[in-house]
Amino acid sequence: MPFTIRAHDGWGSVTVGSFQTLEEARQAFASLRADPWYVKDGGMRALELLHQQAGGMPERLDWYSIR
């Protein structure tokens, strides 16, 4: 899947979801930003939206710092 959302915390990062279209990825990213668990958890530090092109490094499309 070409679009991925990662969550970052004090231990590293984890993939939250992968999406076929940018529209789906942006909707999920916005939903996570508005989710009180992510914002008030205390452990979460950031969310990142990435675009993975074949054979290349992922390109960051969006970043949301929770702290």
N, C-alpha and C. Protein backbone atom coordinates (compact mmCIF):
# COMPACT_ATOMS: atom_id res chain seq x y z
N MET A 1 0.84 -1.17 0.00
CA MET A 1 0.00 0.00 0.00
C MET A 1 0.89 1.24 0.00
N PRO A 2 0.56 2.20 -0.80
CA PRO A 2 1.48 3.33 -0.96
C PRO A 2 1.43 4.38 0.15
N PHE A 3 0.39 4.40 1.00
CA PHE A 3 0.30 5.42 2.04
C PHE A 3 0.23 4.74 3.41
N THR A 4 1.01 5.24 4.35
CA THR A 4 1.12 4.63 5.67
C THR A 4 1.05 5.71 6.75
N ILE A 5 0.41 5.37 7.85
CA ILE A 5 0.42 6.24 9.03
C ILE A 5 1.22 5.53 10.11
N ARG A 6 2.14 6.25 10.72
CA ARG A 6 2.93 5.73 11.84
C ARG A 6 2.66 6.58 13.07
N ALA A 7 2.62 5.92 14.22
CA ALA A 7 2.53 6.61 15.51
C ALA A 7 3.89 6.50 16.18
N HIS A 8 4.33 7.58 16.81
CA HIS A 8 5.62 7.61 17.49
C HIS A 8 5.39 7.81 18.98
N ASP A 9 6.13 7.04 19.79
CA ASP A 9 6.08 7.21 21.24
C ASP A 9 7.51 7.11 21.78
N GLY A 10 7.66 7.01 23.07
CA GLY A 10 8.98 6.99 23.69
C GLY A 10 9.78 5.74 23.37
N TRP A 11 9.16 4.70 22.83
CA TRP A 11 9.84 3.44 22.54
C TRP A 11 10.15 3.27 21.07
N GLY A 12 9.62 4.14 20.21
CA GLY A 12 9.87 4.01 18.78
C GLY A 12 8.65 4.37 17.97
N SER A 13 8.47 3.68 16.86
CA SER A 13 7.31 3.95 16.01
C SER A 13 6.66 2.64 15.59
N VAL A 14 5.37 2.74 15.28
CA VAL A 14 4.61 1.58 14.85
C VAL A 14 3.66 2.02 13.74
N THR A 15 3.46 1.16 12.77
CA THR A 15 2.52 1.43 11.70
C THR A 15 1.10 1.27 12.23
N VAL A 16 0.31 2.30 12.08
CA VAL A 16 -1.08 2.30 12.53
C VAL A 16 -1.99 1.79 11.42
N GLY A 17 -1.67 2.12 10.18
CA GLY A 17 -2.50 1.68 9.07
C GLY A 17 -1.84 1.96 7.73
N SER A 18 -2.28 1.21 6.73
CA SER A 18 -1.80 1.40 5.36
C SER A 18 -3.03 1.56 4.46
N PHE A 19 -2.89 2.42 3.45
CA PHE A 19 -4.03 2.81 2.63
C PHE A 19 -3.66 2.86 1.16
N GLN A 20 -4.62 2.59 0.30
CA GLN A 20 -4.41 2.63 -1.14
C GLN A 20 -4.43 4.05 -1.69
N THR A 21 -5.28 4.90 -1.12
CA THR A 21 -5.42 6.25 -1.68
C THR A 21 -5.01 7.30 -0.64
N LEU A 22 -4.59 8.44 -1.14
CA LEU A 22 -4.23 9.55 -0.27
C LEU A 22 -5.45 10.05 0.49
N GLU A 23 -6.60 10.05 -0.15
CA GLU A 23 -7.83 10.51 0.51
C GLU A 23 -8.15 9.65 1.73
N GLU A 24 -8.06 8.33 1.60
CA GLU A 24 -8.31 7.43 2.74
C GLU A 24 -7.28 7.68 3.85
N ALA A 25 -6.04 7.85 3.47
CA ALA A 25 -4.97 8.07 4.45
C ALA A 25 -5.18 9.39 5.18
N ARG A 26 -5.54 10.44 4.47
CA ARG A 26 -5.75 11.74 5.10
C ARG A 26 -6.97 11.72 6.04
N GLN A 27 -8.02 10.99 5.67
CA GLN A 27 -9.18 10.86 6.55
C GLN A 27 -8.81 10.15 7.84
N ALA A 28 -8.05 9.07 7.73
CA ALA A 28 -7.62 8.33 8.92
C ALA A 28 -6.69 9.18 9.78
N PHE A 29 -5.77 9.91 9.14
CA PHE A 29 -4.84 10.79 9.86
C PHE A 29 -5.61 11.85 10.65
N ALA A 30 -6.60 12.47 10.03
CA ALA A 30 -7.42 13.48 10.71
C ALA A 30 -8.20 12.86 11.87
N SER A 31 -8.71 11.66 11.69
CA SER A 31 -9.44 10.98 12.76
C SER A 31 -8.54 10.69 13.95
N LEU A 32 -7.32 10.25 13.69
CA LEU A 32 -6.38 9.98 14.77
C LEU A 32 -5.99 11.25 15.50
N ARG A 33 -5.80 12.33 14.77
CA ARG A 33 -5.47 13.62 15.39
C ARG A 33 -6.59 14.07 16.33
N ALA A 34 -7.81 13.75 16.02
CA ALA A 34 -8.96 14.16 16.83
C ALA A 34 -9.31 13.15 17.92
N ASP A 35 -8.66 11.99 17.92
CA ASP A 35 -8.96 10.93 18.89
C ASP A 35 -8.38 11.29 20.26
N PRO A 36 -9.22 11.41 21.29
CA PRO A 36 -8.72 11.80 22.61
C PRO A 36 -7.68 10.83 23.18
N TRP A 37 -7.76 9.55 22.84
CA TRP A 37 -6.79 8.60 23.37
C TRP A 37 -5.38 8.96 22.91
N TYR A 38 -5.22 9.28 21.64
CA TYR A 38 -3.90 9.65 21.13
C TYR A 38 -3.42 10.97 21.73
N VAL A 39 -4.30 11.92 21.86
CA VAL A 39 -3.92 13.25 22.32
C VAL A 39 -3.64 13.26 23.82
N LYS A 40 -4.44 12.54 24.61
CA LYS A 40 -4.32 12.59 26.06
C LYS A 40 -3.62 11.39 26.67
N ASP A 41 -3.19 10.45 25.89
CA ASP A 41 -2.55 9.23 26.38
C ASP A 41 -1.32 9.52 27.22
N GLY A 42 -0.55 10.52 26.83
CA GLY A 42 0.67 10.86 27.54
C GLY A 42 1.90 10.18 26.98
N GLY A 43 1.73 9.03 26.35
CA GLY A 43 2.87 8.31 25.78
C GLY A 43 3.08 8.60 24.31
N MET A 44 2.01 8.94 23.62
CA MET A 44 2.11 9.22 22.20
C MET A 44 2.76 10.59 21.99
N ARG A 45 3.68 10.65 21.03
CA ARG A 45 4.38 11.90 20.78
C ARG A 45 4.06 12.51 19.42
N ALA A 46 3.78 11.66 18.42
CA ALA A 46 3.56 12.20 17.08
C ALA A 46 2.86 11.19 16.19
N LEU A 47 2.26 11.71 15.14
CA LEU A 47 1.71 10.91 14.05
C LEU A 47 2.38 11.37 12.76
N GLU A 48 2.57 10.44 11.84
CA GLU A 48 3.27 10.75 10.59
C GLU A 48 2.55 10.05 9.44
N LEU A 49 2.32 10.79 8.36
CA LEU A 49 1.72 10.25 7.14
C LEU A 49 2.81 10.15 6.09
N LEU A 50 3.00 8.94 5.56
CA LEU A 50 4.08 8.69 4.61
C LEU A 50 3.54 8.19 3.28
N HIS A 51 4.26 8.52 2.21
CA HIS A 51 3.98 8.00 0.88
C HIS A 51 5.18 7.16 0.46
N GLN A 52 4.94 5.88 0.19
CA GLN A 52 6.01 4.96 -0.21
C GLN A 52 5.98 4.75 -1.72
N GLN A 53 7.01 5.22 -2.39
CA GLN A 53 7.12 4.98 -3.82
C GLN A 53 7.96 3.74 -4.05
N ALA A 54 7.66 3.02 -5.10
CA ALA A 54 8.36 1.77 -5.39
C ALA A 54 9.87 1.99 -5.44
N GLY A 55 10.58 1.21 -4.64
CA GLY A 55 12.04 1.23 -4.67
C GLY A 55 12.69 2.43 -4.02
N GLY A 56 11.94 3.31 -3.40
CA GLY A 56 12.52 4.51 -2.81
C GLY A 56 12.23 4.63 -1.33
N MET A 57 12.81 5.63 -0.75
CA MET A 57 12.56 5.93 0.66
C MET A 57 11.17 6.55 0.81
N PRO A 58 10.48 6.31 1.92
CA PRO A 58 9.18 6.94 2.11
C PRO A 58 9.31 8.47 2.22
N GLU A 59 8.35 9.15 1.66
CA GLU A 59 8.30 10.61 1.72
C GLU A 59 7.25 11.03 2.75
N ARG A 60 7.63 11.89 3.68
CA ARG A 60 6.68 12.38 4.68
C ARG A 60 5.77 13.41 4.05
N LEU A 61 4.46 13.16 4.16
CA LEU A 61 3.46 14.09 3.63
C LEU A 61 2.89 14.98 4.72
N ASP A 62 2.83 14.45 5.95
CA ASP A 62 2.27 15.22 7.04
C ASP A 62 2.83 14.72 8.36
N TRP A 63 2.90 15.61 9.34
CA TRP A 63 3.42 15.30 10.68
C TRP A 63 2.57 16.04 11.68
N TYR A 64 2.21 15.37 12.77
CA TYR A 64 1.45 16.00 13.83
C TYR A 64 2.13 15.70 15.15
N SER A 65 2.62 16.73 15.80
CA SER A 65 3.27 16.59 17.09
C SER A 65 2.22 16.71 18.19
N ILE A 66 2.13 15.70 19.04
CA ILE A 66 1.12 15.68 20.08
C ILE A 66 1.56 16.47 21.29
N ARG A 67 2.83 16.54 21.53
CA ARG A 67 3.33 17.29 22.70
C ARG A 67 3.77 18.66 22.32
